[in-house]
Amino acid sequence: MKKIIDFVRESFAELKKVSWPSREDVASQTVVVVVSLIIVSMLLTVIDFLSLEAISKIITLGM
């Protein structure tokens, strides 16, 4: 049990040494991630639609 308590104490001591980002940094990085996610999802939607159309045309030409 002593090892577990020592581990928890050492973990909290290490967490106090961490340099945490400010609230503003987290907010701005979150905006970047959300915008990037929207752009990538739109791009993948377009690629998916174009692939579907191309495959459909290839299949209808083959018949």
PDB file of N, CA and C in Angstrom:
ATOM      1  N   MET A   1       0.824  -1.193   0.000  1.00  0.00           N
ATOM      2  CA  MET A   1       0.000   0.000   0.000  1.00  0.00           C
ATOM      3  C   MET A   1       0.872   1.262   0.000  1.00  0.00           C
ATOM      4  N   LYS A   2       2.011   1.184   0.675  1.00  0.00           N
ATOM      5  CA  LYS A   2       2.910   2.335   0.741  1.00  0.00           C
ATOM      6  C   LYS A   2       3.413   2.712  -0.648  1.00  0.00           C
ATOM      7  N   LYS A   3       3.657   1.714  -1.496  1.00  0.00           N
ATOM      8  CA  LYS A   3       4.144   1.993  -2.847  1.00  0.00           C
ATOM      9  C   LYS A   3       3.100   2.769  -3.648  1.00  0.00           C
ATOM     10  N   ILE A   4       1.844   2.417  -3.463  1.00  0.00           N
ATOM     11  CA  ILE A   4       0.768   3.109  -4.182  1.00  0.00           C
ATOM     12  C   ILE A   4       0.676   4.557  -3.721  1.00  0.00           C
ATOM     13  N   ILE A   5       0.739   4.774  -2.417  1.00  0.00           N
ATOM     14  CA  ILE A   5       0.671   6.137  -1.879  1.00  0.00           C
ATOM     15  C   ILE A   5       1.861   6.955  -2.362  1.00  0.00           C
ATOM     16  N   ASP A   6       3.052   6.368  -2.343  1.00  0.00           N
ATOM     17  CA  ASP A   6       4.242   7.064  -2.842  1.00  0.00           C
ATOM     18  C   ASP A   6       4.091   7.410  -4.320  1.00  0.00           C
ATOM     19  N   PHE A   7       3.551   6.470  -5.084  1.00  0.00           N
ATOM     20  CA  PHE A   7       3.349   6.708  -6.511  1.00  0.00           C
ATOM     21  C   PHE A   7       2.408   7.890  -6.739  1.00  0.00           C
ATOM     22  N   VAL A   8       1.310   7.929  -6.001  1.00  0.00           N
ATOM     23  CA  VAL A   8       0.339   9.019  -6.153  1.00  0.00           C
ATOM     24  C   VAL A   8       0.976  10.347  -5.756  1.00  0.00           C
ATOM     25  N   ARG A   9       1.715  10.372  -4.675  1.00  0.00           N
ATOM     26  CA  ARG A   9       2.384  11.611  -4.238  1.00  0.00           C
ATOM     27  C   ARG A   9       3.382  12.098  -5.292  1.00  0.00           C
ATOM     28  N   GLU A  10       4.176  11.173  -5.813  1.00  0.00           N
ATOM     29  CA  GLU A  10       5.158  11.540  -6.836  1.00  0.00           C
ATOM     30  C   GLU A  10       4.471  12.015  -8.114  1.00  0.00           C
ATOM     31  N   SER A  11       3.348  11.402  -8.436  1.00  0.00           N
ATOM     32  CA  SER A  11       2.602  11.819  -9.631  1.00  0.00           C
ATOM     33  C   SER A  11       2.109  13.250  -9.483  1.00  0.00           C
ATOM     34  N   PHE A  12       1.544  13.578  -8.320  1.00  0.00           N
ATOM     35  CA  PHE A  12       1.080  14.940  -8.098  1.00  0.00           C
ATOM     36  C   PHE A  12       2.245  15.927  -8.091  1.00  0.00           C
ATOM     37  N   ALA A  13       3.381  15.518  -7.556  1.00  0.00           N
ATOM     38  CA  ALA A  13       4.560  16.388  -7.561  1.00  0.00           C
ATOM     39  C   ALA A  13       5.004  16.673  -8.992  1.00  0.00           C
ATOM     40  N   GLU A  14       4.962  15.656  -9.851  1.00  0.00           N
ATOM     41  CA  GLU A  14       5.333  15.852 -11.258  1.00  0.00           C
ATOM     42  C   GLU A  14       4.318  16.735 -11.977  1.00  0.00           C
ATOM     43  N   LEU A  15       3.039  16.567 -11.657  1.00  0.00           N
ATOM     44  CA  LEU A  15       2.005  17.386 -12.300  1.00  0.00           C
ATOM     45  C   LEU A  15       2.169  18.867 -11.958  1.00  0.00           C
ATOM     46  N   LYS A  16       2.702  19.169 -10.782  1.00  0.00           N
ATOM     47  CA  LYS A  16       2.929  20.564 -10.411  1.00  0.00           C
ATOM     48  C   LYS A  16       4.041  21.195 -11.243  1.00  0.00           C
ATOM     49  N   LYS A  17       4.919  20.373 -11.813  1.00  0.00           N
ATOM     50  CA  LYS A  17       6.022  20.875 -12.632  1.00  0.00           C
ATOM     51  C   LYS A  17       5.601  21.157 -14.073  1.00  0.00           C
ATOM     52  N   VAL A  18       4.430  20.682 -14.453  1.00  0.00           N
ATOM     53  CA  VAL A  18       3.976  20.813 -15.836  1.00  0.00           C
ATOM     54  C   VAL A  18       3.632  22.262 -16.131  1.00  0.00           C
ATOM     55  N   SER A  19       4.027  22.707 -17.309  1.00  0.00           N
ATOM     56  CA  SER A  19       3.675  24.052 -17.762  1.00  0.00           C
ATOM     57  C   SER A  19       2.392  23.949 -18.588  1.00  0.00           C
ATOM     58  N   TRP A  20       1.264  24.275 -17.971  1.00  0.00           N
ATOM     59  CA  TRP A  20      -0.031  24.138 -18.626  1.00  0.00           C
ATOM     60  C   TRP A  20      -0.300  25.341 -19.525  1.00  0.00           C
ATOM     61  N   PRO A  21      -0.964  25.139 -20.666  1.00  0.00           N
ATOM     62  CA  PRO A  21      -1.281  26.267 -21.554  1.00  0.00           C
ATOM     63  C   PRO A  21      -2.354  27.159 -20.928  1.00  0.00           C
ATOM     64  N   SER A  22      -2.351  28.409 -21.357  1.00  0.00           N
ATOM     65  CA  SER A  22      -3.360  29.332 -20.836  1.00  0.00           C
ATOM     66  C   SER A  22      -4.717  29.017 -21.456  1.00  0.00           C
ATOM     67  N   ARG A  23      -5.751  29.571 -20.862  1.00  0.00           N
ATOM     68  CA  ARG A  23      -7.109  29.359 -21.361  1.00  0.00           C
ATOM     69  C   ARG A  23      -7.239  29.890 -22.788  1.00  0.00           C
ATOM     70  N   GLU A  24      -6.580  31.013 -23.070  1.00  0.00           N
ATOM     71  CA  GLU A  24      -6.634  31.604 -24.409  1.00  0.00           C
ATOM     72  C   GLU A  24      -5.960  30.695 -25.437  1.00  0.00           C
ATOM     73  N   ASP A  25      -4.823  30.115 -25.062  1.00  0.00           N
ATOM     74  CA  ASP A  25      -4.129  29.190 -25.966  1.00  0.00           C
ATOM     75  C   ASP A  25      -5.001  27.979 -26.289  1.00  0.00           C
ATOM     76  N   VAL A  26      -5.625  27.434 -25.262  1.00  0.00           N
ATOM     77  CA  VAL A  26      -6.487  26.264 -25.471  1.00  0.00           C
ATOM     78  C   VAL A  26      -7.656  26.632 -26.378  1.00  0.00           C
ATOM     79  N   ALA A  27      -8.257  27.801 -26.151  1.00  0.00           N
ATOM     80  CA  ALA A  27      -9.396  28.227 -26.965  1.00  0.00           C
ATOM     81  C   ALA A  27      -8.982  28.423 -28.418  1.00  0.00           C
ATOM     82  N   SER A  28      -7.853  29.073 -28.663  1.00  0.00           N
ATOM     83  CA  SER A  28      -7.432  29.319 -30.043  1.00  0.00           C
ATOM     84  C   SER A  28      -7.044  28.016 -30.740  1.00  0.00           C
ATOM     85  N   GLN A  29      -6.405  27.111 -30.028  1.00  0.00           N
ATOM     86  CA  GLN A  29      -6.047  25.824 -30.626  1.00  0.00           C
ATOM     87  C   GLN A  29      -7.290  24.981 -30.904  1.00  0.00           C
ATOM     88  N   THR A  30      -8.301  25.109 -30.061  1.00  0.00           N
ATOM     89  CA  THR A  30      -9.559  24.400 -30.285  1.00  0.00           C
ATOM     90  C   THR A  30     -10.231  24.906 -31.549  1.00  0.00           C
ATOM     91  N   VAL A  31     -10.205  26.213 -31.762  1.00  0.00           N
ATOM     92  CA  VAL A  31     -10.788  26.788 -32.978  1.00  0.00           C
ATOM     93  C   VAL A  31     -10.054  26.260 -34.205  1.00  0.00           C
ATOM     94  N   VAL A  32      -8.745  26.201 -34.145  1.00  0.00           N
ATOM     95  CA  VAL A  32      -7.959  25.682 -35.274  1.00  0.00           C
ATOM     96  C   VAL A  32      -8.342  24.237 -35.564  1.00  0.00           C
ATOM     97  N   VAL A  33      -8.488  23.430 -34.537  1.00  0.00           N
ATOM     98  CA  VAL A  33      -8.844  22.020 -34.724  1.00  0.00           C
ATOM     99  C   VAL A  33     -10.239  21.892 -35.327  1.00  0.00           C
ATOM    100  N   VAL A  34     -11.199  22.658 -34.834  1.00  0.00           N
ATOM    101  CA  VAL A  34     -12.573  22.570 -35.339  1.00  0.00           C
ATOM    102  C   VAL A  34     -12.642  23.023 -36.792  1.00  0.00           C
ATOM    103  N   VAL A  35     -11.984  24.122 -37.127  1.00  0.00           N
ATOM    104  CA  VAL A  35     -11.982  24.605 -38.514  1.00  0.00           C
ATOM    105  C   VAL A  35     -11.302  23.584 -39.423  1.00  0.00           C
ATOM    106  N   SER A  36     -10.192  23.033 -38.986  1.00  0.00           N
ATOM    107  CA  SER A  36      -9.502  22.010 -39.783  1.00  0.00           C
ATOM    108  C   SER A  36     -10.393  20.794 -39.991  1.00  0.00           C
ATOM    109  N   LEU A  37     -11.088  20.394 -38.955  1.00  0.00           N
ATOM    110  CA  LEU A  37     -12.000  19.257 -39.046  1.00  0.00           C
ATOM    111  C   LEU A  37     -13.109  19.517 -40.059  1.00  0.00           C
ATOM    112  N   ILE A  38     -13.666  20.708 -40.047  1.00  0.00           N
ATOM    113  CA  ILE A  38     -14.725  21.060 -41.000  1.00  0.00           C
ATOM    114  C   ILE A  38     -14.186  21.039 -42.425  1.00  0.00           C
ATOM    115  N   ILE A  39     -13.017  21.621 -42.642  1.00  0.00           N
ATOM    116  CA  ILE A  39     -12.436  21.665 -43.986  1.00  0.00           C
ATOM    117  C   ILE A  39     -12.142  20.258 -44.497  1.00  0.00           C
ATOM    118  N   VAL A  40     -11.537  19.427 -43.666  1.00  0.00           N
ATOM    119  CA  VAL A  40     -11.201  18.062 -44.088  1.00  0.00           C
ATOM    120  C   VAL A  40     -12.466  17.254 -44.350  1.00  0.00           C
ATOM    121  N   SER A  41     -13.485  17.416 -43.526  1.00  0.00           N
ATOM    122  CA  SER A  41     -14.721  16.663 -43.750  1.00  0.00           C
ATOM    123  C   SER A  41     -15.411  17.105 -45.036  1.00  0.00           C
ATOM    124  N   MET A  42     -15.367  18.400 -45.337  1.00  0.00           N
ATOM    125  CA  MET A  42     -15.941  18.879 -46.604  1.00  0.00           C
ATOM    126  C   MET A  42     -15.158  18.318 -47.788  1.00  0.00           C
ATOM    127  N   LEU A  43     -13.844  18.310 -47.686  1.00  0.00           N
ATOM    128  CA  LEU A  43     -13.001  17.770 -48.747  1.00  0.00           C
ATOM    129  C   LEU A  43     -13.285  16.285 -48.968  1.00  0.00           C
ATOM    130  N   LEU A  44     -13.396  15.531 -47.898  1.00  0.00           N
ATOM    131  CA  LEU A  44     -13.691  14.105 -48.021  1.00  0.00           C
ATOM    132  C   LEU A  44     -15.084  13.864 -48.599  1.00  0.00           C
ATOM    133  N   THR A  45     -16.033  14.728 -48.264  1.00  0.00           N
ATOM    134  CA  THR A  45     -17.379  14.606 -48.831  1.00  0.00           C
ATOM    135  C   THR A  45     -17.344  14.812 -50.335  1.00  0.00           C
ATOM    136  N   VAL A  46     -16.610  15.810 -50.792  1.00  0.00           N
ATOM    137  CA  VAL A  46     -16.490  16.073 -52.230  1.00  0.00           C
ATOM    138  C   VAL A  46     -15.797  14.900 -52.922  1.00  0.00           C
ATOM    139  N   ILE A  47     -14.716  14.412 -52.343  1.00  0.00           N
ATOM    140  CA  ILE A  47     -14.000  13.279 -52.937  1.00  0.00           C
ATOM    141  C   ILE A  47     -14.907  12.050 -52.999  1.00  0.00           C
ATOM    142  N   ASP A  48     -15.671  11.810 -51.949  1.00  0.00           N
ATOM    143  CA  ASP A  48     -16.587  10.673 -51.922  1.00  0.00           C
ATOM    144  C   ASP A  48     -17.647  10.808 -53.012  1.00  0.00           C
ATOM    145  N   PHE A  49     -18.216  12.001 -53.146  1.00  0.00           N
ATOM    146  CA  PHE A  49     -19.244  12.224 -54.165  1.00  0.00           C
ATOM    147  C   PHE A  49     -18.674  12.035 -55.570  1.00  0.00           C
ATOM    148  N   LEU A  50     -17.502  12.603 -55.829  1.00  0.00           N
ATOM    149  CA  LEU A  50     -16.892  12.471 -57.151  1.00  0.00           C
ATOM    150  C   LEU A  50     -16.524  11.020 -57.451  1.00  0.00           C
ATOM    151  N   SER A  51     -16.042  10.297 -56.454  1.00  0.00           N
ATOM    152  CA  SER A  51     -15.717   8.880 -56.648  1.00  0.00           C
ATOM    153  C   SER A  51     -16.973   8.083 -56.979  1.00  0.00           C
ATOM    154  N   LEU A  52     -18.038   8.357 -56.265  1.00  0.00           N
ATOM    155  CA  LEU A  52     -19.295   7.661 -56.512  1.00  0.00           C
ATOM    156  C   LEU A  52     -19.797   7.926 -57.925  1.00  0.00           C
ATOM    157  N   GLU A  53     -19.737   9.184 -58.346  1.00  0.00           N
ATOM    158  CA  GLU A  53     -20.176   9.529 -59.701  1.00  0.00           C
ATOM    159  C   GLU A  53     -19.296   8.851 -60.750  1.00  0.00           C
ATOM    160  N   ALA A  54     -17.995   8.863 -60.543  1.00  0.00           N
ATOM    161  CA  ALA A  54     -17.076   8.249 -61.502  1.00  0.00           C
ATOM    162  C   ALA A  54     -17.312   6.742 -61.592  1.00  0.00           C
ATOM    163  N   ILE A  55     -17.464   6.096 -60.474  1.00  0.00           N
ATOM    164  CA  ILE A  55     -17.702   4.647 -60.482  1.00  0.00           C
ATOM    165  C   ILE A  55     -19.048   4.332 -61.125  1.00  0.00           C
ATOM    166  N   SER A  56     -20.051   5.140 -60.848  1.00  0.00           N
ATOM    167  CA  SER A  56     -21.371   4.920 -61.462  1.00  0.00           C
ATOM    168  C   SER A  56     -21.292   5.042 -62.976  1.00  0.00           C
ATOM    169  N   LYS A  57     -20.571   6.044 -63.472  1.00  0.00           N
ATOM    170  CA  LYS A  57     -20.433   6.220 -64.922  1.00  0.00           C
ATOM    171  C   LYS A  57     -19.656   5.062 -65.544  1.00  0.00           C
ATOM    172  N   ILE A  58     -18.614   4.599 -64.873  1.00  0.00           N
ATOM    173  CA  ILE A  58     -17.829   3.471 -65.382  1.00  0.00           C
ATOM    174  C   ILE A  58     -18.697   2.215 -65.454  1.00  0.00           C
ATOM    175  N   ILE A  59     -19.504   1.990 -64.442  1.00  0.00           N
ATOM    176  CA  ILE A  59     -20.363   0.803 -64.421  1.00  0.00           C
ATOM    177  C   ILE A  59     -21.415   0.877 -65.520  1.00  0.00           C
ATOM    178  N   THR A  60     -22.032   2.051 -65.715  1.00  0.00           N
ATOM    179  CA  THR A  60     -23.066   2.168 -66.755  1.00  0.00           C
ATOM    180  C   THR A  60     -22.455   2.070 -68.146  1.00  0.00           C
ATOM    181  N   LEU A  61     -21.223   2.510 -68.338  1.00  0.00           N
ATOM    182  CA  LEU A  61     -20.573   2.377 -69.642  1.00  0.00           C
ATOM    183  C   LEU A  61     -20.238   0.920 -69.939  1.00  0.00           C
ATOM    184  N   GLY A  62     -19.960   0.152 -68.911  1.00  0.00           N
ATOM    185  CA  GLY A  62     -19.587  -1.240 -69.088  1.00  0.00           C
ATOM    186  C   GLY A  62     -20.758  -2.136 -69.441  1.00  0.00           C
ATOM    187  N   MET A  63     -21.956  -1.689 -69.218  1.00  0.00           N
ATOM    188  CA  MET A  63     -23.127  -2.533 -69.486  1.00  0.00           C
ATOM    189  C   MET A  63     -23.510  -2.406 -70.894  1.00  0.00           C
TER     190      MET A  63
END
